[in-house]
Each structure stands twice: as structure tokens, then as C-alpha cells.
C-alpha atoms as a PDB file:
ATOM      1  CA  MET A   1      39.650 143.094 -49.107  1.00  0.00           C
ATOM      2  CA  LYS A   2      38.281 146.554 -49.167  1.00  0.00           C
ATOM      3  CA  ALA A   3      37.138 146.221 -45.735  1.00  0.00           C
ATOM      4  CA  LEU A   4      40.928 146.154 -44.528  1.00  0.00           C
ATOM      5  CA  PRO A   5      42.122 149.313 -46.138  1.00  0.00           C
ATOM      6  CA  SER A   6      38.976 151.164 -45.057  1.00  0.00           C
ATOM      7  CA  GLN A   7      39.528 150.194 -41.343  1.00  0.00           C
ATOM      8  CA  GLY A   8      43.350 150.899 -41.646  1.00  0.00           C
ATOM      9  CA  LEU A   9      42.615 154.542 -43.096  1.00  0.00           C
ATOM     10  CA  GLU A  10      40.042 154.981 -40.281  1.00  0.00           C
ATOM     11  CA  SER A  11      42.546 153.860 -37.653  1.00  0.00           C
ATOM     12  CA  PRO A  12      44.526 156.690 -36.387  1.00  0.00           C
ATOM     13  CA  SER A  13      46.587 154.051 -34.369  1.00  0.00           C
ATOM     14  CA  ILE A  14      48.671 153.000 -37.272  1.00  0.00           C
ATOM     15  CA  PRO A  15      48.288 155.396 -40.278  1.00  0.00           C
ATOM     16  CA  THR A  16      51.504 154.289 -41.757  1.00  0.00           C
ATOM     17  CA  ALA A  17      50.236 150.545 -41.846  1.00  0.00           C
ATOM     18  CA  SER A  18      47.278 151.617 -44.003  1.00  0.00           C
ATOM     19  CA  PRO A  19      49.132 152.638 -47.257  1.00  0.00           C
ATOM     20  CA  LEU A  20      51.699 150.025 -46.707  1.00  0.00           C
ATOM     21  CA  LEU A  21      49.208 147.402 -46.568  1.00  0.00           C
ATOM     22  CA  ILE A  22      47.226 148.771 -49.567  1.00  0.00           C
ATOM     23  CA  VAL A  23      50.464 148.843 -51.749  1.00  0.00           C
ATOM     24  CA  TYR A  24      51.308 145.377 -50.359  1.00  0.00           C
ATOM     25  CA  ILE A  25      48.010 143.824 -51.391  1.00  0.00           C
ATOM     26  CA  PHE A  26      48.153 145.307 -54.671  1.00  0.00           C
END
């Protein structure tokens, strides 16, 4: 699960999806 948020944060394509995914997972 750590790999998902890591890639999202590094990915500039969807910066809004990274925080949303992290909050949704938790």
C-alpha cells in the first residue's frame, strides 16, 4: 500500500489524486 501513495506523490500528473487516495485508503 505504501507504493501507491509514493507513486502518487511523485506523479505530477495527478497531484490531487495522491492525497485523496491516501485519505480514502485510511
